[in-house]
Amino acid sequence: MIKTTQNRYNGIIVEEKHLPDSKADFITEVIQLIKSFKNEKLLWIKIPIEKSEFIPELKKFNFEFHHCNDNIL
């Protein structure tokens, strides 16, 4: 499973360095994250520009954009 941390607001965070390389593995991991953290209010996944193909997959699970910078959405 993808490594996560918890922020001061009890949100679950996935840093971009912990994402799998393949889209298929990413989808599998996101499904597991959703199941594991279904009772949590916040699940943040940072997507680097190099893995932008993951973004449409997150939208399928109703993830919303929150903020971005030059290299991360």
N, C-alpha and C. Protein backbone atom coordinates (compact mmCIF):
# COMPACT_ATOMS: atom_id res chain seq x y z
N MET A 1 0.83 -1.18 0.00
CA MET A 1 0.00 0.00 0.00
C MET A 1 0.88 1.25 0.00
N ILE A 2 0.36 2.32 -0.57
CA ILE A 2 1.07 3.59 -0.62
C ILE A 2 1.31 4.10 0.81
N LYS A 3 2.49 4.62 1.06
CA LYS A 3 2.82 5.18 2.37
C LYS A 3 2.08 6.50 2.56
N THR A 4 1.49 6.67 3.74
CA THR A 4 0.74 7.89 4.05
C THR A 4 1.26 8.52 5.34
N THR A 5 0.93 9.79 5.52
CA THR A 5 1.17 10.49 6.77
C THR A 5 -0.13 11.20 7.14
N GLN A 6 -0.17 11.70 8.35
CA GLN A 6 -1.36 12.42 8.80
C GLN A 6 -0.95 13.85 9.16
N ASN A 7 -1.76 14.83 8.72
CA ASN A 7 -1.44 16.22 9.04
C ASN A 7 -2.14 16.65 10.33
N ARG A 8 -1.93 17.88 10.72
CA ARG A 8 -2.48 18.37 11.99
C ARG A 8 -3.99 18.48 12.00
N TYR A 9 -4.61 18.39 10.83
CA TYR A 9 -6.08 18.43 10.73
C TYR A 9 -6.67 17.03 10.60
N ASN A 10 -5.85 16.02 10.86
CA ASN A 10 -6.22 14.61 10.74
C ASN A 10 -6.50 14.19 9.30
N GLY A 11 -5.96 14.94 8.37
CA GLY A 11 -6.06 14.55 6.96
C GLY A 11 -4.98 13.55 6.61
N ILE A 12 -5.30 12.63 5.74
CA ILE A 12 -4.34 11.63 5.28
C ILE A 12 -3.67 12.18 4.03
N ILE A 13 -2.35 12.13 4.00
CA ILE A 13 -1.58 12.71 2.90
C ILE A 13 -0.73 11.64 2.23
N VAL A 14 -0.77 11.63 0.89
CA VAL A 14 0.11 10.80 0.09
C VAL A 14 1.05 11.75 -0.65
N GLU A 15 2.32 11.68 -0.34
CA GLU A 15 3.31 12.51 -1.02
C GLU A 15 3.63 11.91 -2.39
N GLU A 16 3.98 12.77 -3.31
CA GLU A 16 4.24 12.33 -4.69
C GLU A 16 5.36 11.30 -4.79
N LYS A 17 6.32 11.34 -3.89
CA LYS A 17 7.44 10.39 -3.95
C LYS A 17 7.01 8.96 -3.62
N HIS A 18 5.80 8.79 -3.06
CA HIS A 18 5.33 7.45 -2.69
C HIS A 18 4.36 6.86 -3.71
N LEU A 19 4.17 7.52 -4.83
CA LEU A 19 3.24 7.01 -5.84
C LEU A 19 3.90 5.92 -6.67
N PRO A 20 3.12 4.93 -7.09
CA PRO A 20 3.67 3.91 -7.99
C PRO A 20 3.95 4.52 -9.36
N ASP A 21 4.70 3.80 -10.17
CA ASP A 21 5.04 4.30 -11.50
C ASP A 21 3.95 4.05 -12.54
N SER A 22 3.25 2.95 -12.43
CA SER A 22 2.26 2.63 -13.46
C SER A 22 0.87 3.09 -13.06
N LYS A 23 0.08 3.43 -14.07
CA LYS A 23 -1.30 3.87 -13.82
C LYS A 23 -2.13 2.73 -13.24
N ALA A 24 -1.92 1.52 -13.72
CA ALA A 24 -2.67 0.36 -13.20
C ALA A 24 -2.39 0.16 -11.71
N ASP A 25 -1.13 0.24 -11.32
CA ASP A 25 -0.78 0.11 -9.89
C ASP A 25 -1.36 1.26 -9.09
N PHE A 26 -1.35 2.45 -9.66
CA PHE A 26 -1.91 3.62 -8.99
C PHE A 26 -3.39 3.42 -8.70
N ILE A 27 -4.14 2.97 -9.68
CA ILE A 27 -5.58 2.74 -9.51
C ILE A 27 -5.82 1.72 -8.40
N THR A 28 -5.08 0.62 -8.41
CA THR A 28 -5.21 -0.40 -7.38
C THR A 28 -4.93 0.18 -6.00
N GLU A 29 -3.88 0.99 -5.90
CA GLU A 29 -3.50 1.60 -4.62
C GLU A 29 -4.55 2.60 -4.15
N VAL A 30 -5.12 3.38 -5.06
CA VAL A 30 -6.14 4.36 -4.68
C VAL A 30 -7.38 3.64 -4.14
N ILE A 31 -7.76 2.57 -4.78
CA ILE A 31 -8.91 1.79 -4.29
C ILE A 31 -8.65 1.31 -2.86
N GLN A 32 -7.44 0.82 -2.60
CA GLN A 32 -7.09 0.37 -1.25
C GLN A 32 -7.08 1.53 -0.25
N LEU A 33 -6.56 2.68 -0.68
CA LEU A 33 -6.57 3.86 0.19
C LEU A 33 -7.99 4.26 0.57
N ILE A 34 -8.86 4.30 -0.41
CA ILE A 34 -10.25 4.68 -0.16
C ILE A 34 -10.91 3.71 0.82
N LYS A 35 -10.67 2.43 0.64
CA LYS A 35 -11.23 1.43 1.56
C LYS A 35 -10.64 1.58 2.96
N SER A 36 -9.34 1.79 3.04
CA SER A 36 -8.67 1.86 4.34
C SER A 36 -9.02 3.12 5.12
N PHE A 37 -9.27 4.21 4.40
CA PHE A 37 -9.51 5.49 5.06
C PHE A 37 -10.92 6.02 4.82
N LYS A 38 -11.87 5.11 4.65
CA LYS A 38 -13.24 5.54 4.32
C LYS A 38 -13.89 6.38 5.41
N ASN A 39 -13.42 6.29 6.64
CA ASN A 39 -14.00 7.08 7.73
C ASN A 39 -13.27 8.40 7.97
N GLU A 40 -12.25 8.66 7.19
CA GLU A 40 -11.50 9.91 7.32
C GLU A 40 -12.16 11.00 6.47
N LYS A 41 -12.03 12.24 6.90
CA LYS A 41 -12.65 13.35 6.19
C LYS A 41 -11.81 13.84 5.02
N LEU A 42 -10.49 13.72 5.13
CA LEU A 42 -9.60 14.27 4.11
C LEU A 42 -8.59 13.23 3.66
N LEU A 43 -8.45 13.12 2.36
CA LEU A 43 -7.40 12.28 1.76
C LEU A 43 -6.76 13.11 0.66
N TRP A 44 -5.53 13.53 0.88
CA TRP A 44 -4.80 14.38 -0.04
C TRP A 44 -3.80 13.52 -0.81
N ILE A 45 -3.81 13.64 -2.12
CA ILE A 45 -2.83 12.93 -2.95
C ILE A 45 -2.15 13.98 -3.84
N LYS A 46 -0.85 14.13 -3.65
CA LYS A 46 -0.09 15.10 -4.44
C LYS A 46 0.39 14.42 -5.72
N ILE A 47 0.02 15.01 -6.86
CA ILE A 47 0.35 14.43 -8.16
C ILE A 47 1.38 15.32 -8.86
N PRO A 48 2.58 14.80 -9.12
CA PRO A 48 3.57 15.59 -9.85
C PRO A 48 3.21 15.63 -11.34
N ILE A 49 3.68 16.65 -12.02
CA ILE A 49 3.38 16.83 -13.43
C ILE A 49 3.79 15.60 -14.25
N GLU A 50 4.84 14.92 -13.83
CA GLU A 50 5.31 13.74 -14.55
C GLU A 50 4.31 12.58 -14.49
N LYS A 51 3.39 12.64 -13.57
CA LYS A 51 2.38 11.58 -13.45
C LYS A 51 0.97 12.14 -13.65
N SER A 52 0.87 13.14 -14.49
CA SER A 52 -0.42 13.80 -14.72
C SER A 52 -1.47 12.86 -15.30
N GLU A 53 -1.05 11.75 -15.88
CA GLU A 53 -2.03 10.77 -16.40
C GLU A 53 -2.85 10.15 -15.28
N PHE A 54 -2.43 10.32 -14.03
CA PHE A 54 -3.19 9.80 -12.88
C PHE A 54 -4.40 10.67 -12.54
N ILE A 55 -4.39 11.92 -12.95
CA ILE A 55 -5.44 12.87 -12.56
C ILE A 55 -6.83 12.43 -13.00
N PRO A 56 -7.04 12.03 -14.25
CA PRO A 56 -8.39 11.58 -14.63
C PRO A 56 -8.87 10.38 -13.80
N GLU A 57 -7.95 9.55 -13.37
CA GLU A 57 -8.33 8.40 -12.55
C GLU A 57 -8.86 8.87 -11.19
N LEU A 58 -8.23 9.87 -10.62
CA LEU A 58 -8.71 10.41 -9.34
C LEU A 58 -10.07 11.07 -9.49
N LYS A 59 -10.30 11.74 -10.60
CA LYS A 59 -11.61 12.37 -10.83
C LYS A 59 -12.71 11.32 -10.89
N LYS A 60 -12.40 10.13 -11.37
CA LYS A 60 -13.39 9.03 -11.41
C LYS A 60 -13.83 8.64 -10.00
N PHE A 61 -12.98 8.90 -9.01
CA PHE A 61 -13.30 8.60 -7.61
C PHE A 61 -13.80 9.85 -6.88
N ASN A 62 -14.15 10.88 -7.63
CA ASN A 62 -14.69 12.14 -7.10
C ASN A 62 -13.70 12.96 -6.28
N PHE A 63 -12.41 12.78 -6.51
CA PHE A 63 -11.43 13.67 -5.90
C PHE A 63 -11.58 15.04 -6.52
N GLU A 64 -11.30 16.07 -5.74
CA GLU A 64 -11.38 17.45 -6.21
C GLU A 64 -10.00 18.09 -6.16
N PHE A 65 -9.78 19.04 -7.07
CA PHE A 65 -8.55 19.81 -7.03
C PHE A 65 -8.60 20.76 -5.84
N HIS A 66 -7.48 20.90 -5.17
CA HIS A 66 -7.43 21.84 -4.04
C HIS A 66 -6.48 22.98 -4.33
N HIS A 67 -5.25 22.67 -4.61
CA HIS A 67 -4.28 23.71 -4.93
C HIS A 67 -3.15 23.11 -5.75
N CYS A 68 -2.33 23.97 -6.30
CA CYS A 68 -1.21 23.49 -7.10
C CYS A 68 -0.06 24.49 -7.02
N ASN A 69 1.09 24.03 -7.49
CA ASN A 69 2.22 24.91 -7.71
C ASN A 69 2.83 24.55 -9.05
N ASP A 70 4.04 24.93 -9.32
CA ASP A 70 4.62 24.71 -10.64
C ASP A 70 4.70 23.25 -11.05
N ASN A 71 4.90 22.35 -10.10
CA ASN A 71 5.14 20.95 -10.45
C ASN A 71 4.17 19.96 -9.84
N ILE A 72 3.26 20.42 -8.98
CA ILE A 72 2.37 19.50 -8.27
C ILE A 72 0.94 20.02 -8.31
N LEU A 73 0.02 19.09 -8.54
CA LEU A 73 -1.41 19.41 -8.47
C LEU A 73 -2.00 18.64 -7.31
